[in-house]
Amino acid sequence: MLDFAKINELAKKYEPEMTRFLRDMIAIPSESCDEEKVILRIKEEMEKVGFDKVEIDPMGNVLGTIGKGRHLIAMDAHIDTVGVGNRENWKFDPYEGYEDAETIGGRGGSDQEGGMASMVYAGKIIKALGLEDDYTLVIVGSVQEEDCDGLCWQYIINEDKLRPEFVVSTEPTDGGIYRGQRGRMEIYVSTKGVSCHGSAPERGDNAIYKMAPILNELRALHENLKDDAFLGKGSLTVSEVFFTSPSRCAVADSCKISIDRRLTRGESGAYALNQIRNLPAVKAAGAEVGMYRYDRPSYKGLVYETDCYFPTWVIEEDHPVCETLMETYESLFKKRARLDKWTFSTNGVAIMGMHGIPCIGFGPGHEDQAHAPNELTWKNELVACAAMYAAIPTVYVQKYADKMPENTENIVER
């Protein structure tokens, strides 16, 4: 039997060390494709607390292992961050950060280096209390998620050949347990024209004017996208506009827009592209509609090209992985957890959405802190998550591993 009180006690005891480690990570700028220094700092901490093995793969992800049991379990935190934006919006230095009795401030605190701090110290709790059971636990610090969510796990599954029985995502969950998310895709629409001198625009064909009615129809399309009682409504926003022209005194000969499309139940990538291709203004302009591809090298120089399509996924409420986390939470904290979903996207798009590996979320921090100035996370959540991550593997092995289905259904595909 697990001593849940002792796990909570040790998690609280390690709060100062977790705080110090998180602040060290925050202090290291680690935007996508520039994560090497923070990866090395994580490797150092894993080795210090006693992980059995720590490796950095050819993409640059760090993988720390505890145990040698039959059941392979993984936990994941992406350790890259977005930039800081306009520094004038910050009340404190985003990298130096700050802390008080309850909170830690700085870029990456909630999104999502806090999850890494809790995972590493869960490893220390497992070692200190001798909680190793018939499992192998792999703690992953993944790269390039902010640039291309799930790319790291496509690589880990396909190239590192790591296929766990399930993965705990430590993205921020506002204290809840999350079992799904909307998908997303990055779409472009481009129009072509003919340039001429701006003093006689009738001689040319203005590509920007061709785009104008398309923008209006895209706005209307957003209002009429599918809705789902659990995941919420699909969405569409035009996020970028580009053009080419010989000069400011000329008619534009091309125009291109980027679209951030969020996909709910019943909306596939092909469906979303065809919705746009069938707009009257798109047809009238002869516009090209397509999906972006991602080909940016990792900090190690590795290019792992992929479509910018990130599938929607949800697992059943009564799935053994959901039940594992719900029982662990109730055993530790003597109350029932809130079962919910993320608004944003996570590495689960590859883990569950592409590869059918059950993914479940529980992580420190709040979604509204992600990508925002004055980002915060909460010390009590770091402690609670460390306790959860330490207990989850044993609860799973002892009670739920034998109940796992051979294949986990992505219920949005019904």
Protein backbone atom coordinates (compact mmCIF):
# COMPACT_ATOMS: atom_id res chain seq x y z
CA MET A 1 0.00 0.00 0.00
CA LEU A 2 1.22 3.48 -0.84
CA ASP A 3 1.74 5.86 2.07
CA PHE A 4 0.05 8.90 0.50
CA ALA A 5 0.63 11.03 3.59
CA LYS A 6 4.37 10.39 3.38
CA ILE A 7 4.39 11.25 -0.33
CA ASN A 8 2.66 14.57 0.43
CA GLU A 9 5.08 15.22 3.27
CA LEU A 10 8.16 14.71 1.09
CA ALA A 11 6.71 16.78 -1.76
CA LYS A 12 6.23 19.67 0.66
CA LYS A 13 9.74 19.16 2.06
CA TYR A 14 11.22 19.46 -1.44
CA GLU A 15 9.36 22.71 -2.23
CA PRO A 16 12.45 24.93 -1.73
CA GLU A 17 14.53 22.72 -4.04
CA MET A 18 11.77 22.64 -6.67
CA THR A 19 11.48 26.42 -6.45
CA ARG A 20 15.21 26.91 -6.88
CA PHE A 21 15.33 24.53 -9.84
CA LEU A 22 12.38 26.21 -11.55
CA ARG A 23 13.91 29.64 -11.09
CA ASP A 24 17.16 28.35 -12.59
CA MET A 25 15.24 27.17 -15.67
CA ILE A 26 13.33 30.44 -15.95
CA ALA A 27 16.62 32.36 -15.84
CA ILE A 28 17.79 30.58 -19.03
CA PRO A 29 16.12 31.94 -22.20
CA SER A 30 14.86 28.85 -24.02
CA GLU A 31 12.73 29.72 -27.01
CA SER A 32 12.04 26.98 -29.55
CA CYS A 33 15.21 25.73 -31.29
CA ASP A 34 17.42 27.40 -28.65
CA GLU A 35 16.88 25.09 -25.69
CA GLU A 36 20.33 23.55 -25.28
CA LYS A 37 21.33 25.38 -22.09
CA VAL A 38 18.10 24.61 -20.26
CA ILE A 39 18.24 20.96 -21.43
CA LEU A 40 21.72 20.66 -19.91
CA ARG A 41 20.48 22.24 -16.66
CA ILE A 42 17.63 19.69 -16.51
CA LYS A 43 20.05 16.82 -17.16
CA GLU A 44 22.20 18.04 -14.29
CA GLU A 45 19.23 18.10 -11.89
CA MET A 46 18.02 14.64 -12.94
CA GLU A 47 21.46 13.21 -12.27
CA LYS A 48 21.70 15.03 -8.94
CA VAL A 49 18.45 13.58 -7.55
CA GLY A 50 19.34 10.03 -8.59
CA PHE A 51 17.71 9.11 -11.90
CA ASP A 52 18.95 5.71 -13.13
CA LYS A 53 19.73 6.99 -16.63
CA VAL A 54 19.66 10.39 -18.34
CA GLU A 55 20.06 10.80 -22.10
CA ILE A 56 19.70 13.55 -24.70
CA ASP A 57 18.40 12.23 -28.02
CA PRO A 58 19.52 13.38 -31.50
CA MET A 59 16.69 15.93 -31.67
CA GLY A 60 17.70 17.44 -28.31
CA ASN A 61 14.98 16.07 -26.01
CA VAL A 62 16.16 15.00 -22.56
CA LEU A 63 14.90 11.64 -21.26
CA GLY A 64 15.45 10.61 -17.64
CA THR A 65 14.61 7.04 -16.60
CA ILE A 66 13.72 5.47 -13.26
CA GLY A 67 13.21 1.73 -12.85
CA LYS A 68 13.37 -1.34 -15.10
CA GLY A 69 9.85 -2.78 -14.77
CA ARG A 70 7.54 -4.20 -17.45
CA HIS A 71 5.13 -1.28 -17.70
CA LEU A 72 6.56 1.67 -19.63
CA ILE A 73 5.09 4.99 -18.49
CA ALA A 74 6.12 8.46 -19.66
CA MET A 75 5.58 11.98 -18.37
CA ASP A 76 6.23 15.00 -20.54
CA ALA A 77 6.99 18.70 -20.19
CA HIS A 78 7.95 20.85 -23.14
CA ILE A 79 10.77 23.04 -21.88
CA ASP A 80 10.85 25.59 -24.67
CA THR A 81 9.03 28.87 -24.16
CA VAL A 82 7.69 31.69 -26.28
CA GLY A 83 9.47 35.03 -26.26
CA VAL A 84 8.70 37.82 -23.82
CA GLY A 85 7.01 40.26 -26.21
CA ASN A 86 6.94 43.92 -25.23
CA ARG A 87 9.05 44.25 -22.06
CA GLU A 88 7.10 47.34 -21.07
CA ASN A 89 4.18 45.03 -20.26
CA TRP A 90 6.23 43.18 -17.64
CA LYS A 91 6.27 44.37 -14.02
CA PHE A 92 9.43 42.33 -13.35
CA ASP A 93 12.32 40.94 -15.39
CA PRO A 94 10.91 37.89 -17.25
CA TYR A 95 14.11 35.85 -16.78
CA GLU A 96 15.35 37.07 -13.42
CA GLY A 97 11.77 36.58 -12.25
CA TYR A 98 10.69 36.84 -8.65
CA GLU A 99 9.10 34.80 -5.90
CA ASP A 100 7.03 35.40 -2.79
CA ALA A 101 5.55 32.99 -0.27
CA GLU A 102 2.98 31.66 -2.76
CA THR A 103 4.06 32.37 -6.35
CA ILE A 104 7.00 32.27 -8.75
CA GLY A 105 7.10 34.72 -11.64
CA GLY A 106 8.93 34.49 -14.95
CA ARG A 107 8.67 33.31 -18.54
CA GLY A 108 8.00 29.57 -18.57
CA GLY A 109 6.72 29.28 -15.00
CA SER A 110 3.29 28.00 -16.01
CA ASP A 111 4.04 27.16 -19.66
CA GLN A 112 5.62 24.96 -18.78
CA GLU A 113 8.89 24.50 -16.96
CA GLY A 114 6.97 24.16 -13.69
CA GLY A 115 5.87 20.72 -14.86
CA MET A 116 9.50 19.71 -15.31
CA ALA A 117 10.41 20.87 -11.80
CA SER A 118 7.61 18.77 -10.32
CA MET A 119 8.49 15.70 -12.41
CA VAL A 120 12.17 15.73 -11.44
CA TYR A 121 11.31 15.97 -7.75
CA ALA A 122 8.71 13.25 -8.12
CA GLY A 123 11.67 11.14 -9.18
CA LYS A 124 13.45 12.10 -5.99
CA ILE A 125 10.35 11.12 -3.95
CA ILE A 126 10.20 7.73 -5.71
CA LYS A 127 13.84 7.10 -4.88
CA ALA A 128 13.58 8.35 -1.29
CA LEU A 129 10.53 6.22 -0.47
CA GLY A 130 11.51 3.17 -2.52
CA LEU A 131 8.39 3.37 -4.68
CA GLU A 132 9.88 1.54 -7.65
CA ASP A 133 7.45 -1.13 -8.77
CA ASP A 134 6.95 -3.14 -11.96
CA TYR A 135 7.33 -0.04 -14.13
CA THR A 136 9.88 1.94 -16.08
CA LEU A 137 9.22 5.67 -15.80
CA VAL A 138 10.61 8.01 -18.46
CA ILE A 139 10.56 11.74 -17.69
CA VAL A 140 10.77 13.74 -20.92
CA GLY A 141 11.84 17.35 -21.39
CA SER A 142 10.73 17.97 -24.97
CA VAL A 143 11.81 20.68 -27.41
CA GLN A 144 10.19 22.77 -30.16
CA GLU A 145 6.62 22.39 -28.85
CA GLU A 146 5.87 26.10 -29.02
CA ASP A 147 6.93 26.08 -32.68
CA CYS A 148 5.31 22.80 -33.66
CA ASP A 149 3.31 20.96 -30.99
CA GLY A 150 3.81 17.22 -31.04
CA LEU A 151 6.87 17.24 -33.35
CA CYS A 152 9.11 16.14 -30.48
CA TRP A 153 6.85 13.18 -29.72
CA GLN A 154 6.61 12.21 -33.38
CA TYR A 155 10.38 11.89 -33.20
CA ILE A 156 10.43 10.14 -29.81
CA ILE A 157 7.88 7.52 -30.95
CA ASN A 158 9.13 7.02 -34.52
CA GLU A 159 12.89 7.40 -34.11
CA ASP A 160 13.70 6.85 -30.40
CA LYS A 161 11.26 3.90 -30.53
CA LEU A 162 9.71 4.88 -27.20
CA ARG A 163 6.07 3.79 -27.06
CA PRO A 164 4.73 4.05 -23.51
CA GLU A 165 1.49 2.53 -22.26
CA PHE A 166 0.37 6.09 -21.51
CA VAL A 167 1.78 9.60 -21.16
CA VAL A 168 1.03 12.21 -18.51
CA SER A 169 1.26 15.69 -19.99
CA THR A 170 2.30 18.25 -17.38
CA GLU A 171 0.93 21.24 -19.28
CA PRO A 172 -0.94 23.60 -16.91
CA THR A 173 -4.39 22.32 -15.97
CA ASP A 174 -5.56 24.82 -13.33
CA GLY A 175 -5.71 22.00 -10.78
CA GLY A 176 -7.84 19.69 -12.94
CA ILE A 177 -7.24 16.45 -14.83
CA TYR A 178 -7.55 16.93 -18.59
CA ARG A 179 -8.47 14.22 -21.10
CA GLY A 180 -8.51 16.00 -24.46
CA GLN A 181 -8.24 19.13 -26.54
CA ARG A 182 -9.27 20.68 -29.82
CA GLY A 183 -6.87 20.11 -32.69
CA ARG A 184 -5.41 22.82 -34.85
CA MET A 185 -3.84 23.51 -38.22
CA GLU A 186 -1.92 26.32 -39.90
CA ILE A 187 -3.45 27.24 -43.26
CA TYR A 188 -2.45 29.73 -45.93
CA VAL A 189 -4.48 31.42 -48.64
CA SER A 190 -2.68 33.24 -51.45
CA THR A 191 -3.87 35.42 -54.32
CA LYS A 192 -1.93 36.54 -57.38
CA GLY A 193 -2.15 39.79 -59.32
CA VAL A 194 -0.20 41.90 -61.80
CA SER A 195 1.82 44.93 -60.70
CA CYS A 196 1.80 48.32 -62.38
CA HIS A 197 2.49 51.91 -61.44
CA GLY A 198 0.28 53.11 -58.62
CA SER A 199 -0.68 56.22 -60.59
CA ALA A 200 -2.65 54.05 -63.03
CA PRO A 201 -3.90 51.05 -61.00
CA GLU A 202 -6.35 50.07 -63.74
CA ARG A 203 -3.40 48.73 -65.73
CA GLY A 204 -2.72 46.06 -63.11
CA ASP A 205 -4.57 43.46 -61.05
CA ASN A 206 -4.38 44.13 -57.30
CA ALA A 207 -3.84 40.92 -55.30
CA ILE A 208 -4.75 42.67 -52.04
CA TYR A 209 -8.17 43.64 -53.41
CA LYS A 210 -8.69 40.00 -54.39
CA MET A 211 -8.00 39.01 -50.79
CA ALA A 212 -10.41 41.53 -49.25
CA PRO A 213 -13.68 39.64 -49.88
CA ILE A 214 -11.98 36.39 -48.82
CA LEU A 215 -11.25 37.97 -45.41
CA ASN A 216 -14.91 38.91 -45.00
CA GLU A 217 -16.05 35.39 -45.86
CA LEU A 218 -13.52 33.87 -43.45
CA ARG A 219 -14.90 36.04 -40.64
CA ALA A 220 -18.40 34.80 -41.44
CA LEU A 221 -17.18 31.19 -41.62
CA HIS A 222 -15.78 31.43 -38.10
CA GLU A 223 -19.22 32.28 -36.74
CA ASN A 224 -20.72 29.12 -38.28
CA LEU A 225 -18.20 26.42 -37.36
CA LYS A 226 -19.16 23.23 -35.54
CA ASP A 227 -19.61 23.15 -31.78
CA ASP A 228 -19.16 20.34 -29.26
CA ALA A 229 -20.52 20.11 -25.73
CA PHE A 230 -17.16 18.98 -24.27
CA LEU A 231 -14.47 20.48 -26.49
CA GLY A 232 -16.25 23.68 -27.45
CA LYS A 233 -16.55 25.40 -30.80
CA GLY A 234 -14.15 25.26 -33.70
CA SER A 235 -12.50 28.58 -34.45
CA LEU A 236 -10.72 30.45 -37.21
CA THR A 237 -8.64 33.60 -37.07
CA VAL A 238 -6.50 35.34 -39.67
CA SER A 239 -3.15 35.73 -37.91
CA GLU A 240 -0.79 37.14 -40.55
CA VAL A 241 -0.92 39.13 -43.81
CA PHE A 242 1.92 39.28 -46.37
CA PHE A 243 2.20 40.91 -49.77
CA THR A 244 4.70 41.59 -52.57
CA SER A 245 4.88 44.74 -54.63
CA PRO A 246 7.66 46.48 -56.57
CA SER A 247 7.27 49.56 -54.34
CA ARG A 248 4.81 51.58 -52.29
CA CYS A 249 3.95 53.30 -55.56
CA ALA A 250 2.78 50.12 -57.24
CA VAL A 251 -0.08 47.65 -57.33
CA ALA A 252 0.55 44.53 -55.23
CA ASP A 253 1.19 41.43 -57.31
CA SER A 254 0.65 38.87 -54.52
CA CYS A 255 -1.06 38.61 -51.16
CA LYS A 256 -0.93 35.80 -48.63
CA ILE A 257 -2.65 35.29 -45.30
CA SER A 258 -2.10 32.78 -42.49
CA ILE A 259 -5.02 31.21 -40.64
CA ASP A 260 -4.96 29.66 -37.17
CA ARG A 261 -7.73 27.05 -37.36
CA ARG A 262 -8.86 25.23 -34.19
CA LEU A 263 -10.66 21.96 -34.84
CA THR A 264 -13.44 20.50 -32.71
CA ARG A 265 -15.15 17.11 -32.95
CA GLY A 266 -16.11 16.30 -36.54
CA GLU A 267 -13.60 18.66 -38.16
CA SER A 268 -10.67 16.97 -39.93
CA GLY A 269 -7.84 18.68 -41.76
CA ALA A 270 -9.32 17.90 -45.18
CA TYR A 271 -12.72 19.17 -44.03
CA ALA A 272 -11.24 22.49 -42.85
CA LEU A 273 -9.27 23.02 -46.08
CA ASN A 274 -12.29 22.25 -48.26
CA GLN A 275 -14.46 24.69 -46.29
CA ILE A 276 -12.10 27.47 -47.33
CA ARG A 277 -11.57 26.26 -50.89
CA ASN A 278 -15.34 26.28 -51.41
CA LEU A 279 -15.83 29.89 -50.34
CA PRO A 280 -17.22 31.91 -53.28
CA ALA A 281 -14.56 34.63 -52.93
CA VAL A 282 -11.77 32.05 -52.94
CA LYS A 283 -13.12 30.51 -56.13
CA ALA A 284 -13.65 33.90 -57.77
CA ALA A 285 -10.08 34.97 -57.01
CA GLY A 286 -8.57 31.65 -58.07
CA ALA A 287 -6.82 31.65 -54.71
CA GLU A 288 -4.52 28.86 -53.57
CA VAL A 289 -5.39 27.24 -50.23
CA GLY A 290 -2.94 24.94 -48.47
CA MET A 291 -1.37 23.82 -45.25
CA TYR A 292 2.00 25.00 -43.99
CA ARG A 293 4.86 22.57 -43.35
CA TYR A 294 7.36 22.87 -40.52
CA ASP A 295 11.05 22.34 -41.30
CA ARG A 296 12.99 24.41 -38.79
CA PRO A 297 16.13 22.70 -37.40
CA SER A 298 16.32 21.80 -33.71
CA TYR A 299 19.15 23.25 -31.64
CA LYS A 300 21.11 20.13 -32.60
CA GLY A 301 20.63 20.89 -36.29
CA LEU A 302 18.15 18.07 -36.92
CA VAL A 303 15.30 18.77 -39.35
CA TYR A 304 12.19 16.61 -38.84
CA GLU A 305 9.72 17.95 -41.36
CA THR A 306 5.98 17.65 -40.79
CA ASP A 307 2.63 19.07 -41.88
CA CYS A 308 1.26 21.77 -39.60
CA TYR A 309 -1.77 19.62 -38.77
CA PHE A 310 -2.38 18.65 -35.16
CA PRO A 311 -5.38 16.32 -34.66
CA THR A 312 -8.17 16.72 -32.13
CA TRP A 313 -8.19 14.02 -29.44
CA VAL A 314 -10.25 12.92 -26.44
CA ILE A 315 -10.10 9.75 -24.33
CA GLU A 316 -13.05 8.24 -22.50
CA GLU A 317 -13.94 9.48 -19.03
CA ASP A 318 -13.81 5.92 -17.71
CA HIS A 319 -10.54 5.00 -19.43
CA PRO A 320 -8.13 3.24 -17.02
CA VAL A 321 -5.66 6.12 -17.37
CA CYS A 322 -8.33 8.67 -16.37
CA GLU A 323 -9.30 6.44 -13.47
CA THR A 324 -5.65 6.09 -12.41
CA LEU A 325 -5.24 9.83 -12.06
CA MET A 326 -8.65 10.40 -10.49
CA GLU A 327 -7.97 7.76 -7.82
CA THR A 328 -4.43 9.04 -7.17
CA TYR A 329 -5.73 12.59 -6.76
CA GLU A 330 -8.49 11.55 -4.36
CA SER A 331 -6.10 9.39 -2.32
CA LEU A 332 -3.61 12.25 -1.94
CA PHE A 333 -5.93 15.22 -1.47
CA LYS A 334 -9.15 13.69 -0.09
CA LYS A 335 -11.39 15.29 -2.71
CA ARG A 336 -12.53 14.54 -6.24
CA ALA A 337 -10.68 16.16 -9.13
CA ARG A 338 -12.30 18.24 -11.86
CA LEU A 339 -12.16 16.34 -15.17
CA ASP A 340 -11.90 18.72 -18.11
CA LYS A 341 -9.97 19.63 -21.30
CA TRP A 342 -7.41 22.17 -22.51
CA THR A 343 -8.37 25.22 -24.55
CA PHE A 344 -4.95 25.31 -26.21
CA SER A 345 -2.96 22.60 -27.98
CA THR A 346 -0.38 20.21 -26.48
CA ASN A 347 2.00 17.40 -27.41
CA GLY A 348 -1.03 15.14 -27.04
CA VAL A 349 -1.77 15.87 -30.71
CA ALA A 350 1.03 13.44 -31.59
CA ILE A 351 0.88 11.12 -28.57
CA MET A 352 -2.87 10.39 -28.76
CA GLY A 353 -4.02 12.24 -31.88
CA MET A 354 -1.53 10.64 -34.30
CA HIS A 355 -0.28 7.53 -32.48
CA GLY A 356 -3.20 6.41 -30.32
CA ILE A 357 -1.19 6.34 -27.08
CA PRO A 358 -3.45 7.38 -24.17
CA CYS A 359 -2.57 10.86 -22.95
CA ILE A 360 -3.82 12.53 -19.78
CA GLY A 361 -3.05 15.95 -18.34
CA PHE A 362 -2.24 17.19 -14.85
CA GLY A 363 0.17 20.07 -14.44
CA PRO A 364 1.05 23.09 -12.33
CA GLY A 365 0.04 26.55 -13.49
CA HIS A 366 -2.93 28.08 -15.25
CA GLU A 367 -3.76 28.32 -18.95
CA ASP A 368 -4.37 32.06 -18.75
CA GLN A 369 -0.71 32.56 -17.78
CA ALA A 370 0.57 30.98 -20.99
CA HIS A 371 2.23 33.44 -23.40
CA ALA A 372 1.16 36.36 -21.17
CA PRO A 373 3.33 39.05 -19.57
CA ASN A 374 3.96 38.68 -15.82
CA GLU A 375 3.58 34.91 -16.07
CA LEU A 376 3.10 33.20 -12.71
CA THR A 377 2.93 29.75 -11.24
CA TRP A 378 2.01 28.62 -7.74
CA LYS A 379 4.24 26.80 -5.27
CA ASN A 380 1.43 24.72 -3.80
CA GLU A 381 0.65 23.39 -7.29
CA LEU A 382 4.30 22.39 -7.84
CA VAL A 383 4.10 20.43 -4.59
CA ALA A 384 0.76 18.79 -5.44
CA CYS A 385 1.98 17.78 -8.89
CA ALA A 386 5.22 16.29 -7.54
CA ALA A 387 3.14 14.13 -5.18
CA MET A 388 0.83 13.05 -8.02
CA TYR A 389 3.66 12.15 -10.39
CA ALA A 390 5.37 10.10 -7.68
CA ALA A 391 2.23 8.09 -6.90
CA ILE A 392 0.66 7.63 -10.38
CA PRO A 393 2.95 4.81 -11.62
CA THR A 394 2.35 2.57 -8.61
CA VAL A 395 -1.41 3.17 -8.58
CA TYR A 396 -1.50 2.29 -12.27
CA VAL A 397 0.60 -0.87 -11.98
CA GLN A 398 -1.21 -2.19 -8.92
CA LYS A 399 -4.79 -1.51 -10.01
CA TYR A 400 -5.28 -0.40 -13.61
CA ALA A 401 -2.57 -1.82 -15.89
CA ASP A 402 -4.48 -5.07 -16.35
CA LYS A 403 -7.59 -3.12 -17.39
CA MET A 404 -5.93 -1.30 -20.29
CA PRO A 405 -7.57 -1.84 -23.70
CA GLU A 406 -5.43 -3.18 -26.52
CA ASN A 407 -6.21 0.00 -28.46
CA THR A 408 -7.45 3.31 -27.11
CA GLU A 409 -10.19 4.92 -29.17
CA ASN A 410 -9.97 8.62 -29.99
CA ILE A 411 -13.65 9.26 -29.33
CA VAL A 412 -13.82 12.34 -31.58
CA GLU A 413 -13.50 9.94 -34.53
CA ARG A 414 -16.78 8.13 -33.81
